[in-house]
C-alpha atoms as a PDB file:
ATOM      1  CA  MET A   1     125.661  84.363 141.376  1.00  0.00           C
ATOM      2  CA  ARG A   2     128.323  82.017 140.087  1.00  0.00           C
ATOM      3  CA  PHE A   3     131.129  80.617 142.197  1.00  0.00           C
ATOM      4  CA  ALA A   4     134.366  79.010 141.049  1.00  0.00           C
ATOM      5  CA  THR A   5     137.191  77.101 142.669  1.00  0.00           C
ATOM      6  CA  TYR A   6     140.430  77.454 140.774  1.00  0.00           C
ATOM      7  CA  GLU A   7     144.194  77.266 140.774  1.00  0.00           C
ATOM      8  CA  HIS A   8     146.219  80.404 140.063  1.00  0.00           C
ATOM      9  CA  ARG A   9     149.994  80.660 140.289  1.00  0.00           C
ATOM     10  CA  GLY A  10     150.182  77.361 142.103  1.00  0.00           C
ATOM     11  CA  ARG A  11     147.635  78.250 144.789  1.00  0.00           C
ATOM     12  CA  ARG A  12     144.035  77.171 145.287  1.00  0.00           C
ATOM     13  CA  HIS A  13     141.363  79.873 145.526  1.00  0.00           C
ATOM     14  CA  CYS A  14     137.612  80.304 145.629  1.00  0.00           C
ATOM     15  CA  GLY A  15     135.789  83.301 144.211  1.00  0.00           C
ATOM     16  CA  VAL A  16     132.721  84.774 142.572  1.00  0.00           C
ATOM     17  CA  VAL A  17     132.616  84.907 138.774  1.00  0.00           C
ATOM     18  CA  ASP A  18     132.168  88.367 137.305  1.00  0.00           C
ATOM     19  CA  GLY A  19     131.917  88.240 133.509  1.00  0.00           C
ATOM     20  CA  ALA A  20     135.216  86.933 132.130  1.00  0.00           C
ATOM     21  CA  ALA A  21     136.972  87.236 135.488  1.00  0.00           C
ATOM     22  CA  VAL A  22     136.791  85.793 138.976  1.00  0.00           C
ATOM     23  CA  ARG A  23     137.042  87.866 142.158  1.00  0.00           C
ATOM     24  CA  PRO A  24     138.841  85.797 144.793  1.00  0.00           C
ATOM     25  CA  PHE A  25     137.646  85.550 148.352  1.00  0.00           C
ATOM     26  CA  PRO A  26     140.149  85.839 151.224  1.00  0.00           C
ATOM     27  CA  ASP A  27     142.787  83.113 151.428  1.00  0.00           C
ATOM     28  CA  GLY A  28     141.513  79.941 153.027  1.00  0.00           C
ATOM     29  CA  THR A  29     137.934  80.409 151.866  1.00  0.00           C
ATOM     30  CA  THR A  30     136.390  77.283 150.346  1.00  0.00           C
ATOM     31  CA  LEU A  31     133.109  76.921 148.560  1.00  0.00           C
ATOM     32  CA  LEU A  32     132.136  74.047 150.841  1.00  0.00           C
ATOM     33  CA  GLY A  33     132.763  76.316 153.820  1.00  0.00           C
ATOM     34  CA  LEU A  34     130.568  79.018 152.297  1.00  0.00           C
ATOM     35  CA  ILE A  35     127.840  76.457 151.656  1.00  0.00           C
ATOM     36  CA  HIS A  36     127.955  75.407 155.305  1.00  0.00           C
ATOM     37  CA  SER A  37     127.636  79.077 156.285  1.00  0.00           C
ATOM     38  CA  GLY A  38     124.763  79.610 153.862  1.00  0.00           C
ATOM     39  CA  LEU A  39     125.016  80.726 150.244  1.00  0.00           C
ATOM     40  CA  PRO A  40     124.694  83.324 148.850  1.00  0.00           C
ATOM     41  CA  ARG A  41     124.449  85.389 152.045  1.00  0.00           C
ATOM     42  CA  ALA A  42     127.767  84.080 153.387  1.00  0.00           C
ATOM     43  CA  ALA A  43     129.558  85.251 150.233  1.00  0.00           C
ATOM     44  CA  THR A  44     128.171  88.776 150.399  1.00  0.00           C
ATOM     45  CA  GLU A  45     129.262  89.130 154.037  1.00  0.00           C
ATOM     46  CA  LEU A  46     132.937  88.401 153.340  1.00  0.00           C
ATOM     47  CA  ALA A  47     135.581  91.108 153.434  1.00  0.00           C
ATOM     48  CA  ALA A  48     136.177  93.167 150.301  1.00  0.00           C
ATOM     49  CA  LEU A  49     137.219  90.997 147.394  1.00  0.00           C
ATOM     50  CA  SER A  50     140.665  91.191 145.847  1.00  0.00           C
ATOM     51  CA  ASP A  51     141.371  92.410 142.335  1.00  0.00           C
ATOM     52  CA  PRO A  52     139.712  90.225 139.685  1.00  0.00           C
ATOM     53  CA  VAL A  53     141.681  87.553 137.859  1.00  0.00           C
ATOM     54  CA  SER A  54     140.947  86.660 134.226  1.00  0.00           C
ATOM     55  CA  LEU A  55     139.343  83.247 133.843  1.00  0.00           C
ATOM     56  CA  ASP A  56     141.768  82.643 130.983  1.00  0.00           C
ATOM     57  CA  ALA A  57     144.628  82.787 133.497  1.00  0.00           C
ATOM     58  CA  VAL A  58     143.320  80.141 135.914  1.00  0.00           C
ATOM     59  CA  ARG A  59     142.799  76.392 135.992  1.00  0.00           C
ATOM     60  CA  LEU A  60     139.219  75.678 136.980  1.00  0.00           C
ATOM     61  CA  LEU A  61     138.885  72.945 139.612  1.00  0.00           C
ATOM     62  CA  PRO A  62     135.708  71.119 140.620  1.00  0.00           C
ATOM     63  CA  PRO A  63     133.640  73.722 142.495  1.00  0.00           C
ATOM     64  CA  LEU A  64     133.945  71.759 145.746  1.00  0.00           C
ATOM     65  CA  GLU A  65     135.078  68.526 147.373  1.00  0.00           C
ATOM     66  CA  PRO A  66     131.718  66.866 148.146  1.00  0.00           C
ATOM     67  CA  PRO A  67     131.073  64.478 151.026  1.00  0.00           C
ATOM     68  CA  SER A  68     129.163  62.196 148.647  1.00  0.00           C
ATOM     69  CA  VAL A  69     128.043  61.935 145.032  1.00  0.00           C
ATOM     70  CA  ARG A  70     124.768  60.287 144.015  1.00  0.00           C
ATOM     71  CA  ASP A  71     124.023  59.780 140.326  1.00  0.00           C
ATOM     72  CA  PHE A  72     120.372  59.321 139.364  1.00  0.00           C
ATOM     73  CA  VAL A  73     118.774  58.047 136.170  1.00  0.00           C
ATOM     74  CA  THR A  74     115.803  60.320 135.470  1.00  0.00           C
ATOM     75  CA  PHE A  75     115.593  60.470 131.665  1.00  0.00           C
ATOM     76  CA  GLU A  76     113.199  57.895 130.228  1.00  0.00           C
ATOM     77  CA  GLU A  77     114.732  58.164 126.759  1.00  0.00           C
ATOM     78  CA  HIS A  78     118.158  57.243 128.125  1.00  0.00           C
ATOM     79  CA  ILE A  79     116.754  54.158 129.837  1.00  0.00           C
ATOM     80  CA  GLU A  80     115.148  53.093 126.547  1.00  0.00           C
ATOM     81  CA  GLY A  81     118.470  53.452 124.750  1.00  0.00           C
ATOM     82  CA  VAL A  82     120.458  51.565 127.343  1.00  0.00           C
ATOM     83  CA  ARG A  83     117.895  48.738 127.453  1.00  0.00           C
ATOM     84  CA  ARG A  84     117.936  48.492 123.675  1.00  0.00           C
ATOM     85  CA  SER A  85     121.715  48.133 123.546  1.00  0.00           C
ATOM     86  CA  GLN A  86     122.215  45.828 126.535  1.00  0.00           C
ATOM     87  CA  GLU A  87     119.018  43.768 126.754  1.00  0.00           C
ATOM     88  CA  ARG A  88     117.624  43.976 123.201  1.00  0.00           C
ATOM     89  CA  THR A  89     114.458  45.689 124.381  1.00  0.00           C
ATOM     90  CA  GLN A  90     113.520  49.328 124.718  1.00  0.00           C
ATOM     91  CA  ASP A  91     110.766  48.738 127.265  1.00  0.00           C
ATOM     92  CA  VAL A  92     111.351  50.706 130.445  1.00  0.00           C
ATOM     93  CA  PRO A  93     110.968  48.476 133.543  1.00  0.00           C
ATOM     94  CA  GLU A  94     107.866  49.343 135.540  1.00  0.00           C
ATOM     95  CA  ALA A  95     110.040  49.521 138.668  1.00  0.00           C
ATOM     96  CA  TRP A  96     111.864  52.510 137.152  1.00  0.00           C
ATOM     97  CA  TYR A  97     108.714  54.619 137.490  1.00  0.00           C
ATOM     98  CA  ASP A  98     108.405  53.861 141.222  1.00  0.00           C
ATOM     99  CA  ALA A  99     111.112  56.268 142.380  1.00  0.00           C
ATOM    100  CA  PRO A 100     114.170  58.156 141.048  1.00  0.00           C
ATOM    101  CA  THR A 101     116.839  55.434 141.212  1.00  0.00           C
ATOM    102  CA  PHE A 102     120.461  56.360 141.961  1.00  0.00           C
ATOM    103  CA  TYR A 103     123.820  54.871 142.815  1.00  0.00           C
ATOM    104  CA  PHE A 104     126.740  56.284 144.797  1.00  0.00           C
ATOM    105  CA  THR A 105     129.828  57.130 142.773  1.00  0.00           C
ATOM    106  CA  ASN A 106     133.381  58.165 143.657  1.00  0.00           C
ATOM    107  CA  PRO A 107     133.689  61.656 145.229  1.00  0.00           C
ATOM    108  CA  HIS A 108     137.489  61.408 144.924  1.00  0.00           C
ATOM    109  CA  ALA A 109     137.449  61.085 141.115  1.00  0.00           C
ATOM    110  CA  LEU A 110     136.153  64.577 140.335  1.00  0.00           C
ATOM    111  CA  ILE A 111     138.045  66.637 137.766  1.00  0.00           C
ATOM    112  CA  GLY A 112     137.817  70.241 136.626  1.00  0.00           C
ATOM    113  CA  ALA A 113     136.009  71.769 133.685  1.00  0.00           C
ATOM    114  CA  HIS A 114     139.012  71.638 131.336  1.00  0.00           C
ATOM    115  CA  ASP A 115     141.168  68.867 132.822  1.00  0.00           C
ATOM    116  CA  ASP A 116     142.413  65.934 130.766  1.00  0.00           C
ATOM    117  CA  VAL A 117     140.658  62.599 131.263  1.00  0.00           C
ATOM    118  CA  PRO A 118     142.905  59.498 131.444  1.00  0.00           C
ATOM    119  CA  TYR A 119     141.593  56.397 129.731  1.00  0.00           C
ATOM    120  CA  PRO A 120     140.310  53.950 132.383  1.00  0.00           C
ATOM    121  CA  PRO A 121     142.771  51.074 132.921  1.00  0.00           C
ATOM    122  CA  GLY A 122     141.711  47.958 131.049  1.00  0.00           C
ATOM    123  CA  SER A 123     138.959  49.659 129.023  1.00  0.00           C
ATOM    124  CA  ARG A 124     138.619  50.020 125.277  1.00  0.00           C
ATOM    125  CA  LEU A 125     135.144  51.560 125.231  1.00  0.00           C
ATOM    126  CA  LEU A 126     135.103  55.020 126.826  1.00  0.00           C
ATOM    127  CA  ASP A 127     131.928  57.118 126.751  1.00  0.00           C
ATOM    128  CA  PHE A 128     130.752  60.462 128.129  1.00  0.00           C
ATOM    129  CA  GLU A 129     127.423  61.225 129.822  1.00  0.00           C
ATOM    130  CA  LEU A 130     125.809  64.664 129.727  1.00  0.00           C
ATOM    131  CA  GLU A 131     124.128  65.518 133.036  1.00  0.00           C
ATOM    132  CA  VAL A 132     123.319  68.396 135.367  1.00  0.00           C
ATOM    133  CA  ALA A 133     123.813  68.180 139.135  1.00  0.00           C
ATOM    134  CA  VAL A 134     122.509  69.988 142.197  1.00  0.00           C
ATOM    135  CA  ILE A 135     124.610  70.697 145.259  1.00  0.00           C
ATOM    136  CA  ILE A 136     122.995  70.474 148.681  1.00  0.00           C
ATOM    137  CA  GLY A 137     123.167  73.621 150.792  1.00  0.00           C
ATOM    138  CA  ARG A 138     121.511  72.611 154.078  1.00  0.00           C
ATOM    139  CA  GLU A 139     121.289  69.398 156.040  1.00  0.00           C
ATOM    140  CA  GLY A 140     117.920  67.668 155.851  1.00  0.00           C
ATOM    141  CA  ARG A 141     116.179  64.373 156.520  1.00  0.00           C
ATOM    142  CA  ASP A 142     112.866  63.021 155.213  1.00  0.00           C
ATOM    143  CA  LEU A 143     112.257  66.180 153.213  1.00  0.00           C
ATOM    144  CA  THR A 144     109.225  66.880 151.087  1.00  0.00           C
ATOM    145  CA  PRO A 145     109.902  68.194 147.572  1.00  0.00           C
ATOM    146  CA  GLU A 146     108.652  71.610 148.710  1.00  0.00           C
ATOM    147  CA  GLN A 147     111.113  71.629 151.605  1.00  0.00           C
ATOM    148  CA  ALA A 148     113.897  70.300 149.387  1.00  0.00           C
ATOM    149  CA  ARG A 149     113.915  73.428 147.225  1.00  0.00           C
ATOM    150  CA  ASP A 150     115.337  75.430 150.137  1.00  0.00           C
ATOM    151  CA  HIS A 151     118.087  72.824 150.570  1.00  0.00           C
ATOM    152  CA  ILE A 152     119.597  73.334 147.099  1.00  0.00           C
ATOM    153  CA  ALA A 153     122.663  75.608 147.044  1.00  0.00           C
ATOM    154  CA  GLY A 154     123.202  75.552 143.291  1.00  0.00           C
ATOM    155  CA  TYR A 155     123.566  73.771 139.979  1.00  0.00           C
ATOM    156  CA  THR A 156     126.499  72.643 137.850  1.00  0.00           C
ATOM    157  CA  LEU A 157     127.340  70.485 134.829  1.00  0.00           C
ATOM    158  CA  PHE A 158     128.198  66.841 135.446  1.00  0.00           C
ATOM    159  CA  ASN A 159     129.948  64.439 133.037  1.00  0.00           C
ATOM    160  CA  ASP A 160     129.781  60.842 134.239  1.00  0.00           C
ATOM    161  CA  TRP A 161     132.634  59.315 132.200  1.00  0.00           C
ATOM    162  CA  SER A 162     131.878  55.641 131.597  1.00  0.00           C
ATOM    163  CA  ALA A 163     134.032  52.666 130.613  1.00  0.00           C
ATOM    164  CA  ARG A 164     131.215  50.792 128.898  1.00  0.00           C
ATOM    165  CA  ASP A 165     132.996  47.457 128.492  1.00  0.00           C
ATOM    166  CA  LEU A 166     133.942  47.345 132.173  1.00  0.00           C
ATOM    167  CA  GLN A 167     130.467  48.511 133.207  1.00  0.00           C
ATOM    168  CA  ILE A 168     128.602  45.906 131.138  1.00  0.00           C
ATOM    169  CA  ARG A 169     130.788  43.083 132.428  1.00  0.00           C
ATOM    170  CA  GLU A 170     130.703  43.991 136.120  1.00  0.00           C
ATOM    171  CA  MET A 171     126.953  44.673 136.192  1.00  0.00           C
ATOM    172  CA  GLN A 172     126.355  41.038 135.269  1.00  0.00           C
ATOM    173  CA  VAL A 173     127.180  40.316 138.911  1.00  0.00           C
ATOM    174  CA  GLY A 174     123.936  42.042 139.896  1.00  0.00           C
ATOM    175  CA  LEU A 175     125.365  45.149 141.554  1.00  0.00           C
ATOM    176  CA  GLY A 176     125.654  48.687 140.261  1.00  0.00           C
ATOM    177  CA  PRO A 177     128.586  49.990 138.211  1.00  0.00           C
ATOM    178  CA  CYS A 178     131.914  50.343 140.011  1.00  0.00           C
ATOM    179  CA  LYS A 179     135.179  50.493 138.025  1.00  0.00           C
ATOM    180  CA  GLY A 180     133.164  51.321 134.928  1.00  0.00           C
ATOM    181  CA  LYS A 181     132.491  54.726 136.511  1.00  0.00           C
ATOM    182  CA  ASP A 182     135.476  55.141 138.813  1.00  0.00           C
ATOM    183  CA  THR A 183     138.133  57.008 136.831  1.00  0.00           C
ATOM    184  CA  ALA A 184     136.718  60.499 136.295  1.00  0.00           C
ATOM    185  CA  THR A 185     133.649  62.677 136.763  1.00  0.00           C
ATOM    186  CA  THR A 186     133.720  66.245 135.475  1.00  0.00           C
ATOM    187  CA  LEU A 187     132.056  68.836 137.710  1.00  0.00           C
ATOM    188  CA  GLY A 188     131.870  72.506 136.749  1.00  0.00           C
ATOM    189  CA  PRO A 189     132.607  74.989 135.491  1.00  0.00           C
ATOM    190  CA  TYR A 190     130.857  76.830 138.326  1.00  0.00           C
ATOM    191  CA  LEU A 191     128.248  76.511 141.035  1.00  0.00           C
ATOM    192  CA  VAL A 192     125.308  78.571 139.770  1.00  0.00           C
ATOM    193  CA  THR A 193     122.823  79.712 142.418  1.00  0.00           C
ATOM    194  CA  PRO A 194     119.129  78.788 142.061  1.00  0.00           C
ATOM    195  CA  ASP A 195     117.960  82.320 141.253  1.00  0.00           C
ATOM    196  CA  GLU A 196     119.892  82.130 137.967  1.00  0.00           C
ATOM    197  CA  VAL A 197     117.900  79.120 136.701  1.00  0.00           C
ATOM    198  CA  GLU A 198     114.526  79.910 138.269  1.00  0.00           C
ATOM    199  CA  PRO A 199     113.240  81.807 135.174  1.00  0.00           C
ATOM    200  CA  TYR A 200     113.568  78.544 133.213  1.00  0.00           C
ATOM    201  CA  ARG A 201     111.246  76.518 135.456  1.00  0.00           C
ATOM    202  CA  ASP A 202     108.219  75.052 133.633  1.00  0.00           C
ATOM    203  CA  ALA A 203     104.721  74.222 134.893  1.00  0.00           C
ATOM    204  CA  ASP A 204     105.878  70.781 136.124  1.00  0.00           C
ATOM    205  CA  GLY A 205     108.724  72.277 138.146  1.00  0.00           C
ATOM    206  CA  CYS A 206     111.436  71.117 135.725  1.00  0.00           C
ATOM    207  CA  LEU A 207     114.125  73.426 134.344  1.00  0.00           C
ATOM    208  CA  ARG A 208     113.904  74.041 130.606  1.00  0.00           C
ATOM    209  CA  LEU A 209     117.622  74.334 129.889  1.00  0.00           C
ATOM    210  CA  ALA A 210     119.026  73.360 126.494  1.00  0.00           C
ATOM    211  CA  LEU A 211     121.773  70.705 126.659  1.00  0.00           C
ATOM    212  CA  THR A 212     124.345  70.026 123.933  1.00  0.00           C
ATOM    213  CA  SER A 213     127.141  67.477 123.567  1.00  0.00           C
ATOM    214  CA  GLU A 214     130.011  67.749 121.073  1.00  0.00           C
ATOM    215  CA  ILE A 215     132.992  65.615 120.130  1.00  0.00           C
ATOM    216  CA  ASN A 216     135.887  67.435 118.479  1.00  0.00           C
ATOM    217  CA  GLY A 217     133.589  70.355 117.693  1.00  0.00           C
ATOM    218  CA  GLU A 218     130.849  68.261 116.072  1.00  0.00           C
ATOM    219  CA  VAL A 219     127.438  68.216 117.740  1.00  0.00           C
ATOM    220  CA  VAL A 220     126.343  64.660 118.583  1.00  0.00           C
ATOM    221  CA  GLY A 221     123.432  65.310 120.956  1.00  0.00           C
ATOM    222  CA  LYS A 222     120.803  67.856 121.996  1.00  0.00           C
ATOM    223  CA  ASP A 223     118.115  67.630 124.648  1.00  0.00           C
ATOM    224  CA  LEU A 224     116.218  69.633 127.254  1.00  0.00           C
ATOM    225  CA  LEU A 225     116.817  69.240 130.968  1.00  0.00           C
ATOM    226  CA  SER A 226     113.051  69.543 131.427  1.00  0.00           C
ATOM    227  CA  ASN A 227     112.658  66.054 129.909  1.00  0.00           C
ATOM    228  CA  MET A 228     113.569  64.641 133.336  1.00  0.00           C
ATOM    229  CA  SER A 229     110.815  62.466 134.782  1.00  0.00           C
ATOM    230  CA  TRP A 230     111.448  63.863 138.277  1.00  0.00           C
ATOM    231  CA  THR A 231     112.390  67.354 139.426  1.00  0.00           C
ATOM    232  CA  PHE A 232     115.588  67.978 141.357  1.00  0.00           C
ATOM    233  CA  GLU A 233     113.475  68.744 144.414  1.00  0.00           C
ATOM    234  CA  GLU A 234     111.856  65.315 144.143  1.00  0.00           C
ATOM    235  CA  MET A 235     115.284  63.716 143.778  1.00  0.00           C
ATOM    236  CA  VAL A 236     116.583  65.493 146.884  1.00  0.00           C
ATOM    237  CA  ALA A 237     113.475  64.438 148.817  1.00  0.00           C
ATOM    238  CA  TYR A 238     113.978  60.805 147.826  1.00  0.00           C
ATOM    239  CA  ALA A 239     117.698  60.928 148.650  1.00  0.00           C
ATOM    240  CA  SER A 240     116.819  62.231 152.135  1.00  0.00           C
ATOM    241  CA  ARG A 241     114.265  59.499 152.833  1.00  0.00           C
ATOM    242  CA  GLY A 242     115.299  57.656 155.975  1.00  0.00           C
ATOM    243  CA  THR A 243     118.720  59.336 156.012  1.00  0.00           C
ATOM    244  CA  VAL A 244     120.450  62.711 155.841  1.00  0.00           C
ATOM    245  CA  VAL A 245     121.621  64.849 152.937  1.00  0.00           C
ATOM    246  CA  ARG A 246     124.445  67.144 153.972  1.00  0.00           C
ATOM    247  CA  PRO A 247     125.889  70.431 152.696  1.00  0.00           C
ATOM    248  CA  GLY A 248     128.054  69.797 149.648  1.00  0.00           C
ATOM    249  CA  ASP A 249     126.429  66.505 148.622  1.00  0.00           C
ATOM    250  CA  VAL A 250     126.171  66.254 144.828  1.00  0.00           C
ATOM    251  CA  LEU A 251     123.146  64.722 143.066  1.00  0.00           C
ATOM    252  CA  GLY A 252     123.450  64.100 139.312  1.00  0.00           C
ATOM    253  CA  SER A 253     120.397  64.069 137.054  1.00  0.00           C
ATOM    254  CA  GLY A 254     121.449  61.047 135.053  1.00  0.00           C
ATOM    255  CA  THR A 255     122.188  61.118 131.353  1.00  0.00           C
ATOM    256  CA  CYS A 256     119.898  63.090 129.076  1.00  0.00           C
ATOM    257  CA  GLY A 257     118.451  61.575 125.914  1.00  0.00           C
ATOM    258  CA  ASN A 258     118.997  62.168 122.198  1.00  0.00           C
ATOM    259  CA  GLY A 259     122.766  61.830 122.197  1.00  0.00           C
ATOM    260  CA  GLY A 260     123.541  62.492 125.841  1.00  0.00           C
ATOM    261  CA  CYS A 261     125.996  59.599 125.548  1.00  0.00           C
ATOM    262  CA  LEU A 262     127.438  57.422 122.782  1.00  0.00           C
ATOM    263  CA  ALA A 263     125.928  54.158 124.042  1.00  0.00           C
ATOM    264  CA  GLU A 264     122.431  55.421 123.311  1.00  0.00           C
ATOM    265  CA  LEU A 265     123.407  56.423 119.769  1.00  0.00           C
ATOM    266  CA  TRP A 266     125.055  53.043 119.187  1.00  0.00           C
ATOM    267  CA  SER A 267     121.877  51.230 120.162  1.00  0.00           C
ATOM    268  CA  ILE A 268     119.722  53.383 117.876  1.00  0.00           C
ATOM    269  CA  ARG A 269     122.040  53.088 114.874  1.00  0.00           C
ATOM    270  CA  GLY A 270     123.058  49.469 115.365  1.00  0.00           C
ATOM    271  CA  GLU A 271     126.734  50.345 115.029  1.00  0.00           C
ATOM    272  CA  GLN A 272     129.363  52.254 116.980  1.00  0.00           C
ATOM    273  CA  VAL A 273     128.898  55.602 115.239  1.00  0.00           C
ATOM    274  CA  PRO A 274     130.392  57.891 116.465  1.00  0.00           C
ATOM    275  CA  PRO A 275     133.139  55.484 117.578  1.00  0.00           C
ATOM    276  CA  PRO A 276     134.204  55.068 121.210  1.00  0.00           C
ATOM    277  CA  LEU A 277     136.289  57.922 122.544  1.00  0.00           C
ATOM    278  CA  LYS A 278     140.034  57.650 121.985  1.00  0.00           C
ATOM    279  CA  PRO A 279     143.049  59.615 123.238  1.00  0.00           C
ATOM    280  CA  GLY A 280     143.052  63.027 121.601  1.00  0.00           C
ATOM    281  CA  ASP A 281     139.268  63.351 121.432  1.00  0.00           C
ATOM    282  CA  THR A 282     137.776  66.417 123.099  1.00  0.00           C
ATOM    283  CA  VAL A 283     134.273  66.318 124.596  1.00  0.00           C
ATOM    284  CA  THR A 284     132.395  69.586 125.160  1.00  0.00           C
ATOM    285  CA  LEU A 285     129.161  69.666 127.134  1.00  0.00           C
ATOM    286  CA  THR A 286     127.047  72.809 127.367  1.00  0.00           C
ATOM    287  CA  ALA A 287     123.923  73.834 129.258  1.00  0.00           C
ATOM    288  CA  ASP A 288     121.990  77.092 129.173  1.00  0.00           C
ATOM    289  CA  VAL A 289     122.960  79.338 132.110  1.00  0.00           C
ATOM    290  CA  LEU A 290     125.419  76.795 133.560  1.00  0.00           C
ATOM    291  CA  GLY A 291     128.141  77.157 130.908  1.00  0.00           C
ATOM    292  CA  SER A 292     130.422  74.549 129.320  1.00  0.00           C
ATOM    293  CA  VAL A 293     132.962  71.924 130.272  1.00  0.00           C
ATOM    294  CA  ARG A 294     135.598  70.775 127.792  1.00  0.00           C
ATOM    295  CA  ASN A 295     137.821  67.754 128.468  1.00  0.00           C
ATOM    296  CA  THR A 296     140.363  65.944 126.297  1.00  0.00           C
ATOM    297  CA  VAL A 297     140.926  62.199 126.583  1.00  0.00           C
ATOM    298  CA  VAL A 298     144.537  61.134 127.140  1.00  0.00           C
ATOM    299  CA  PRO A 299     146.193  57.706 127.497  1.00  0.00           C
ATOM    300  CA  GLY A 300     145.757  56.076 130.894  1.00  0.00           C
ATOM    301  CA  PRO A 301     147.808  53.525 132.822  1.00  0.00           C
ATOM    302  CA  GLU A 302     147.691  49.826 132.180  1.00  0.00           C
ATOM    303  CA  PRO A 303     145.759  47.878 134.824  1.00  0.00           C
ATOM    304  CA  VAL A 304     147.725  46.323 137.654  1.00  0.00           C
ATOM    305  CA  PRO A 305     147.368  42.528 137.137  1.00  0.00           C
ATOM    306  CA  LEU A 306     145.123  40.685 139.573  1.00  0.00           C
ATOM    307  CA  PRO A 307     144.169  36.996 139.684  1.00  0.00           C
ATOM    308  CA  THR A 308     140.678  35.872 138.810  1.00  0.00           C
ATOM    309  CA  GLY A 309     138.410  34.650 141.584  1.00  0.00           C
ATOM    310  CA  ARG A 310     139.396  31.372 143.153  1.00  0.00           C
ATOM    311  CA  ARG A 311     136.917  28.512 143.087  1.00  0.00           C
ATOM    312  CA  ARG A 312     137.220  27.511 146.709  1.00  0.00           C
ATOM    313  CA  PRO A 313     136.209  24.196 148.286  1.00  0.00           C
ATOM    314  CA  ARG A 314     133.004  24.374 150.349  1.00  0.00           C
ATOM    315  CA  SER A 315     134.635  23.010 153.465  1.00  0.00           C
ATOM    316  CA  ARG A 316     133.146  23.731 156.893  1.00  0.00           C
ATOM    317  CA  PRO A 317     134.678  23.787 160.413  1.00  0.00           C
END
């Protein structure tokens, strides 16, 4: 099954996707509420659905408003590319192989599958990142990967928009990215239940889904989701270690390789080709089974001026 959250005639709805249409659930139904009640059973137990609405007539919203968003980095090829561009080496740190590293990103910056993306204030180097995410369906703590599979409600596309110049500068402080990742994250177009992707699972437990990135209709990257070095179940298990994952939590795979973002291509080619995204550019990301998201970059606001850090005297009481 596929579930969508959308706006139609000024009102927010949730429904099940049926071909080129969506069948809305009763007013007040939210996908997060259905996840708490248990997908897909909770959806099938609802009252009779209303007449279908054409997907062409709605504005797709992020499938849900998640309690938290973790973004992992599970593609070895992406790490090689980033290291090559930022640290002049393509060696992957041995620590990367220890566990599936992640950072927390902004759950309030999610945008829909076809929404415009404002340029991040103060940036001149905007990039996209092609990822897939899982959405947690059941609360769990200290899960094994085998247990984690039953805690996944579904899958969706994830575009981690990145202001590379802001990111590179702020990460020199020794913390993870903050404003470099804070303006927008595309989530959508739908939540796709696990049974839809299960036929694509390989012998290692990874999902062999083809991934494609395009800018203004030109293909710039292709990869397979199965090139992840950890499965989603292993990622969920690690995220739950010593803490709790809750229904609606979003876990991104991290950026795929072979053109999953511009920064990787720049490092390989030694020049900014394709150039950084600019207002008017449209980025389309596609994954087998999951569908496509298509966002156009638009001008953003100028940054509100702030002073630089003050060099304070080291006085003591």
